[in-house]
PDB file of all heavy atoms in Angstrom:
ATOM      1  N   LEU A   1     -16.230 102.009  96.246  1.00  0.00           N
ATOM      2  CA  LEU A   1     -15.699 102.777  95.120  1.00  0.00           C
ATOM      3  C   LEU A   1     -15.432 101.768  94.010  1.00  0.00           C
ATOM      4  O   LEU A   1     -14.331 101.234  93.874  1.00  0.00           O
ATOM      5  CB  LEU A   1     -14.430 103.524  95.531  1.00  0.00           C
ATOM      6  CG  LEU A   1     -14.674 104.656  96.539  1.00  0.00           C
ATOM      7  CD1 LEU A   1     -13.396 105.018  97.269  1.00  0.00           C
ATOM      8  CD2 LEU A   1     -15.247 105.877  95.837  1.00  0.00           C
ATOM      9  N   GLY A   2     -16.459 101.466  93.253  1.00  0.00           N
ATOM     10  CA  GLY A   2     -16.418 100.340  92.321  1.00  0.00           C
ATOM     11  C   GLY A   2     -16.197 100.761  90.886  1.00  0.00           C
ATOM     12  O   GLY A   2     -16.894 101.640  90.362  1.00  0.00           O
ATOM     13  N   LEU A   3     -15.229 100.125  90.231  1.00  0.00           N
ATOM     14  CA  LEU A   3     -14.929 100.404  88.826  1.00  0.00           C
ATOM     15  C   LEU A   3     -15.943  99.687  87.942  1.00  0.00           C
ATOM     16  O   LEU A   3     -16.114  98.473  88.037  1.00  0.00           O
ATOM     17  CB  LEU A   3     -13.513  99.939  88.485  1.00  0.00           C
ATOM     18  CG  LEU A   3     -13.025 100.219  87.062  1.00  0.00           C
ATOM     19  CD1 LEU A   3     -12.924 101.721  86.815  1.00  0.00           C
ATOM     20  CD2 LEU A   3     -11.672  99.540  86.814  1.00  0.00           C
ATOM     21  N   VAL A   4     -16.631 100.437  87.084  1.00  0.00           N
ATOM     22  CA  VAL A   4     -17.623  99.865  86.176  1.00  0.00           C
ATOM     23  C   VAL A   4     -17.264 100.231  84.735  1.00  0.00           C
ATOM     24  O   VAL A   4     -16.535 101.192  84.486  1.00  0.00           O
ATOM     25  CB  VAL A   4     -19.052 100.344  86.507  1.00  0.00           C
ATOM     26  CG1 VAL A   4     -19.449  99.923  87.919  1.00  0.00           C
ATOM     27  CG2 VAL A   4     -19.193 101.851  86.354  1.00  0.00           C
ATOM     28  N   HIS A   5     -17.796  99.443  83.809  1.00  0.00           N
ATOM     29  CA  HIS A   5     -17.516  99.658  82.387  1.00  0.00           C
ATOM     30  C   HIS A   5     -18.832  99.698  81.610  1.00  0.00           C
ATOM     31  O   HIS A   5     -19.714  98.877  81.843  1.00  0.00           O
ATOM     32  CB  HIS A   5     -16.647  98.525  81.823  1.00  0.00           C
ATOM     33  CG  HIS A   5     -15.243  98.529  82.312  1.00  0.00           C
ATOM     34  ND1 HIS A   5     -14.904  98.211  83.617  1.00  0.00           N
ATOM     35  CD2 HIS A   5     -14.069  98.819  81.670  1.00  0.00           C
ATOM     36  CE1 HIS A   5     -13.595  98.292  83.763  1.00  0.00           C
ATOM     37  NE2 HIS A   5     -13.069  98.668  82.602  1.00  0.00           N
ATOM     38  N   ARG A   6     -18.924 100.649  80.690  1.00  0.00           N
ATOM     39  CA  ARG A   6     -20.083 100.723  79.801  1.00  0.00           C
ATOM     40  C   ARG A   6     -19.612 101.085  78.400  1.00  0.00           C
ATOM     41  O   ARG A   6     -18.750 101.956  78.232  1.00  0.00           O
ATOM     42  CB  ARG A   6     -21.102 101.757  80.305  1.00  0.00           C
ATOM     43  CG  ARG A   6     -21.692 101.401  81.643  1.00  0.00           C
ATOM     44  CD  ARG A   6     -22.699 102.422  82.124  1.00  0.00           C
ATOM     45  NE  ARG A   6     -23.046 102.194  83.523  1.00  0.00           N
ATOM     46  CZ  ARG A   6     -23.767 103.016  84.262  1.00  0.00           C
ATOM     47  NH1 ARG A   6     -24.218 104.139  83.719  1.00  0.00           N
ATOM     48  NH2 ARG A   6     -24.032 102.736  85.523  1.00  0.00           N
ATOM     49  N   HIS A   7     -20.197 100.439  77.419  1.00  0.00           N
ATOM     50  CA  HIS A   7     -19.767 100.661  76.041  1.00  0.00           C
ATOM     51  C   HIS A   7     -20.480 101.881  75.462  1.00  0.00           C
ATOM     52  O   HIS A   7     -21.516 101.777  74.815  1.00  0.00           O
ATOM     53  CB  HIS A   7     -20.046  99.430  75.183  1.00  0.00           C
ATOM     54  CG  HIS A   7     -19.631  99.624  73.748  1.00  0.00           C
ATOM     55  ND1 HIS A   7     -18.342  99.940  73.385  1.00  0.00           N
ATOM     56  CD2 HIS A   7     -20.342  99.578  72.595  1.00  0.00           C
ATOM     57  CE1 HIS A   7     -18.275 100.063  72.069  1.00  0.00           C
ATOM     58  NE2 HIS A   7     -19.477  99.853  71.575  1.00  0.00           N
ATOM     59  N   GLU A   8     -19.908 103.042  75.710  1.00  0.00           N
ATOM     60  CA  GLU A   8     -20.445 104.277  75.147  1.00  0.00           C
ATOM     61  C   GLU A   8     -20.022 104.395  73.682  1.00  0.00           C
ATOM     62  O   GLU A   8     -18.928 103.983  73.300  1.00  0.00           O
ATOM     63  CB  GLU A   8     -19.921 105.489  75.933  1.00  0.00           C
ATOM     64  CG  GLU A   8     -20.245 105.479  77.417  1.00  0.00           C
ATOM     65  CD  GLU A   8     -21.696 105.802  77.718  1.00  0.00           C
ATOM     66  OE1 GLU A   8     -22.447 106.106  76.757  1.00  0.00           O
ATOM     67  OE2 GLU A   8     -22.087 105.750  78.895  1.00  0.00           O
ATOM     68  N   LEU A   9     -20.901 104.974  72.846  1.00  0.00           N
ATOM     69  CA  LEU A   9     -20.556 105.185  71.442  1.00  0.00           C
ATOM     70  C   LEU A   9     -19.373 106.153  71.351  1.00  0.00           C
ATOM     71  O   LEU A   9     -19.262 107.095  72.134  1.00  0.00           O
ATOM     72  CB  LEU A   9     -21.753 105.751  70.688  1.00  0.00           C
ATOM     73  CG  LEU A   9     -22.987 104.843  70.588  1.00  0.00           C
ATOM     74  CD1 LEU A   9     -24.134 105.584  69.932  1.00  0.00           C
ATOM     75  CD2 LEU A   9     -22.662 103.579  69.810  1.00  0.00           C
ATOM     76  N   SER A  10     -18.514 105.923  70.364  1.00  0.00           N
ATOM     77  CA  SER A  10     -17.294 106.727  70.252  1.00  0.00           C
ATOM     78  C   SER A  10     -17.608 108.213  70.088  1.00  0.00           C
ATOM     79  O   SER A  10     -16.889 109.066  70.595  1.00  0.00           O
ATOM     80  CB  SER A  10     -16.448 106.232  69.073  1.00  0.00           C
ATOM     81  OG  SER A  10     -17.190 106.301  67.865  1.00  0.00           O
ATOM     82  N   GLY A  11     -18.711 108.520  69.391  1.00  0.00           N
ATOM     83  CA  GLY A  11     -19.054 109.922  69.167  1.00  0.00           C
ATOM     84  C   GLY A  11     -19.531 110.649  70.410  1.00  0.00           C
ATOM     85  O   GLY A  11     -19.608 111.877  70.417  1.00  0.00           O
ATOM     86  N   THR A  12     -19.869 109.895  71.462  1.00  0.00           N
ATOM     87  CA  THR A  12     -20.361 110.530  72.692  1.00  0.00           C
ATOM     88  C   THR A  12     -19.267 110.730  73.732  1.00  0.00           C
ATOM     89  O   THR A  12     -19.502 111.389  74.743  1.00  0.00           O
ATOM     90  CB  THR A  12     -21.489 109.689  73.324  1.00  0.00           C
ATOM     91  OG1 THR A  12     -20.959 108.430  73.770  1.00  0.00           O
ATOM     92  CG2 THR A  12     -22.612 109.447  72.329  1.00  0.00           C
ATOM     93  N   LEU A  13     -18.084 110.151  73.505  1.00  0.00           N
ATOM     94  CA  LEU A  13     -17.003 110.257  74.483  1.00  0.00           C
ATOM     95  C   LEU A  13     -16.559 111.722  74.606  1.00  0.00           C
ATOM     96  O   LEU A  13     -16.440 112.436  73.614  1.00  0.00           O
ATOM     97  CB  LEU A  13     -15.826 109.384  74.062  1.00  0.00           C
ATOM     98  CG  LEU A  13     -16.115 107.878  73.952  1.00  0.00           C
ATOM     99  CD1 LEU A  13     -14.898 107.139  73.416  1.00  0.00           C
ATOM    100  CD2 LEU A  13     -16.539 107.301  75.290  1.00  0.00           C
ATOM    101  N   HIS A  14     -16.292 112.137  75.854  1.00  0.00           N
ATOM    102  CA  HIS A  14     -15.926 113.548  76.073  1.00  0.00           C
ATOM    103  C   HIS A  14     -15.061 113.653  77.318  1.00  0.00           C
ATOM    104  O   HIS A  14     -15.559 113.764  78.438  1.00  0.00           O
ATOM    105  CB  HIS A  14     -17.197 114.387  76.234  1.00  0.00           C
ATOM    106  CG  HIS A  14     -16.931 115.854  76.442  1.00  0.00           C
ATOM    107  ND1 HIS A  14     -16.543 116.695  75.421  1.00  0.00           N
ATOM    108  CD2 HIS A  14     -16.980 116.628  77.549  1.00  0.00           C
ATOM    109  CE1 HIS A  14     -16.373 117.910  75.888  1.00  0.00           C
ATOM    110  NE2 HIS A  14     -16.628 117.898  77.189  1.00  0.00           N
ATOM    111  N   GLY A  15     -13.745 113.625  77.129  1.00  0.00           N
ATOM    112  CA  GLY A  15     -12.821 113.795  78.245  1.00  0.00           C
ATOM    113  C   GLY A  15     -13.137 112.870  79.395  1.00  0.00           C
ATOM    114  O   GLY A  15     -13.301 111.663  79.219  1.00  0.00           O
ATOM    115  N   LEU A  16     -13.238 113.432  80.610  1.00  0.00           N
ATOM    116  CA  LEU A  16     -13.626 112.655  81.788  1.00  0.00           C
ATOM    117  C   LEU A  16     -15.135 112.658  81.993  1.00  0.00           C
ATOM    118  O   LEU A  16     -15.636 111.903  82.836  1.00  0.00           O
ATOM    119  CB  LEU A  16     -12.963 113.243  83.042  1.00  0.00           C
ATOM    120  CG  LEU A  16     -11.440 113.233  83.098  1.00  0.00           C
ATOM    121  CD1 LEU A  16     -10.962 113.871  84.407  1.00  0.00           C
ATOM    122  CD2 LEU A  16     -10.887 111.820  82.978  1.00  0.00           C
ATOM    123  N   MET A  17     -15.849 113.490  81.237  1.00  0.00           N
ATOM    124  CA  MET A  17     -17.285 113.619  81.447  1.00  0.00           C
ATOM    125  C   MET A  17     -18.059 112.419  80.906  1.00  0.00           C
ATOM    126  O   MET A  17     -19.097 112.049  81.439  1.00  0.00           O
ATOM    127  CB  MET A  17     -17.811 114.888  80.770  1.00  0.00           C
ATOM    128  CG  MET A  17     -17.142 116.163  81.231  1.00  0.00           C
ATOM    129  SD  MET A  17     -17.374 116.495  82.988  1.00  0.00           S
ATOM    130  CE  MET A  17     -16.943 118.220  83.060  1.00  0.00           C
ATOM    131  N   ARG A  18     -17.566 111.815  79.831  1.00  0.00           N
ATOM    132  CA  ARG A  18     -18.233 110.644  79.236  1.00  0.00           C
ATOM    133  C   ARG A  18     -17.145 109.664  78.850  1.00  0.00           C
ATOM    134  O   ARG A  18     -16.418 109.862  77.880  1.00  0.00           O
ATOM    135  CB  ARG A  18     -19.039 111.084  78.016  1.00  0.00           C
ATOM    136  CG  ARG A  18     -20.060 110.055  77.520  1.00  0.00           C
ATOM    137  CD  ARG A  18     -21.248 109.969  78.452  1.00  0.00           C
ATOM    138  NE  ARG A  18     -22.267 109.058  77.943  1.00  0.00           N
ATOM    139  CZ  ARG A  18     -23.329 109.446  77.242  1.00  0.00           C
ATOM    140  NH1 ARG A  18     -23.485 110.726  76.939  1.00  0.00           N
ATOM    141  NH2 ARG A  18     -24.224 108.570  76.846  1.00  0.00           N
ATOM    142  N   VAL A  19     -17.010 108.603  79.649  1.00  0.00           N
ATOM    143  CA  VAL A  19     -15.930 107.629  79.459  1.00  0.00           C
ATOM    144  C   VAL A  19     -16.518 106.228  79.424  1.00  0.00           C
ATOM    145  O   VAL A  19     -17.714 106.026  79.641  1.00  0.00           O
ATOM    146  CB  VAL A  19     -14.891 107.737  80.601  1.00  0.00           C
ATOM    147  CG1 VAL A  19     -14.121 109.033  80.530  1.00  0.00           C
ATOM    148  CG2 VAL A  19     -15.576 107.603  81.957  1.00  0.00           C
ATOM    149  N   ARG A  20     -15.653 105.263  79.155  1.00  0.00           N
ATOM    150  CA  ARG A  20     -16.124 103.877  79.085  1.00  0.00           C
ATOM    151  C   ARG A  20     -15.822 103.083  80.352  1.00  0.00           C
ATOM    152  O   ARG A  20     -16.346 101.990  80.525  1.00  0.00           O
ATOM    153  CB  ARG A  20     -15.503 103.188  77.860  1.00  0.00           C
ATOM    154  CG  ARG A  20     -16.134 103.655  76.558  1.00  0.00           C
ATOM    155  CD  ARG A  20     -15.452 103.073  75.338  1.00  0.00           C
ATOM    156  NE  ARG A  20     -16.238 103.311  74.132  1.00  0.00           N
ATOM    157  CZ  ARG A  20     -15.734 103.376  72.913  1.00  0.00           C
ATOM    158  NH1 ARG A  20     -14.421 103.241  72.734  1.00  0.00           N
ATOM    159  NH2 ARG A  20     -16.511 103.581  71.876  1.00  0.00           N
ATOM    160  N   ASN A  21     -14.942 103.601  81.180  1.00  0.00           N
ATOM    161  CA  ASN A  21     -14.799 103.006  82.513  1.00  0.00           C
ATOM    162  C   ASN A  21     -14.687 104.125  83.539  1.00  0.00           C
ATOM    163  O   ASN A  21     -14.045 105.144  83.297  1.00  0.00           O
ATOM    164  CB  ASN A  21     -13.594 102.055  82.586  1.00  0.00           C
ATOM    165  CG  ASN A  21     -12.276 102.774  82.667  1.00  0.00           C
ATOM    166  OD1 ASN A  21     -12.055 103.765  81.979  1.00  0.00           O
ATOM    167  ND2 ASN A  21     -11.372 102.296  83.493  1.00  0.00           N
ATOM    168  N   PHE A  22     -15.387 103.948  84.648  1.00  0.00           N
ATOM    169  CA  PHE A  22     -15.391 104.991  85.669  1.00  0.00           C
ATOM    170  C   PHE A  22     -15.686 104.361  87.027  1.00  0.00           C
ATOM    171  O   PHE A  22     -16.192 103.238  87.120  1.00  0.00           O
ATOM    172  CB  PHE A  22     -16.403 106.092  85.344  1.00  0.00           C
ATOM    173  CG  PHE A  22     -17.811 105.619  85.131  1.00  0.00           C
ATOM    174  CD1 PHE A  22     -18.731 105.608  86.168  1.00  0.00           C
ATOM    175  CD2 PHE A  22     -18.225 105.187  83.878  1.00  0.00           C
ATOM    176  CE1 PHE A  22     -20.027 105.181  85.978  1.00  0.00           C
ATOM    177  CE2 PHE A  22     -19.528 104.752  83.663  1.00  0.00           C
ATOM    178  CZ  PHE A  22     -20.432 104.754  84.720  1.00  0.00           C
ATOM    179  N   THR A  23     -15.349 105.108  88.048  1.00  0.00           N
ATOM    180  CA  THR A  23     -15.513 104.632  89.421  1.00  0.00           C
ATOM    181  C   THR A  23     -16.744 105.283  90.032  1.00  0.00           C
ATOM    182  O   THR A  23     -16.794 106.504  90.189  1.00  0.00           O
ATOM    183  CB  THR A  23     -14.265 104.974  90.255  1.00  0.00           C
ATOM    184  OG1 THR A  23     -13.117 104.381  89.633  1.00  0.00           O
ATOM    185  CG2 THR A  23     -14.408 104.432  91.669  1.00  0.00           C
ATOM    186  N   GLN A  24     -17.720 104.463  90.352  1.00  0.00           N
ATOM    187  CA  GLN A  24     -18.920 104.952  91.031  1.00  0.00           C
ATOM    188  C   GLN A  24     -18.695 104.916  92.540  1.00  0.00           C
ATOM    189  O   GLN A  24     -18.249 103.891  93.063  1.00  0.00           O
ATOM    190  CB  GLN A  24     -20.133 104.084  90.685  1.00  0.00           C
ATOM    191  CG  GLN A  24     -20.750 104.368  89.329  1.00  0.00           C
ATOM    192  CD  GLN A  24     -22.033 103.577  89.141  1.00  0.00           C
ATOM    193  OE1 GLN A  24     -22.128 102.422  89.514  1.00  0.00           O
ATOM    194  NE2 GLN A  24     -23.025 104.193  88.526  1.00  0.00           N
TER     195      GLN A  24
END
């Protein structure tokens, strides 16, 4: 259960559906 980070554009962020850090 690994925490990863990706630099998503601010306009694409959407609640929990599109975030900049998430657990795969």
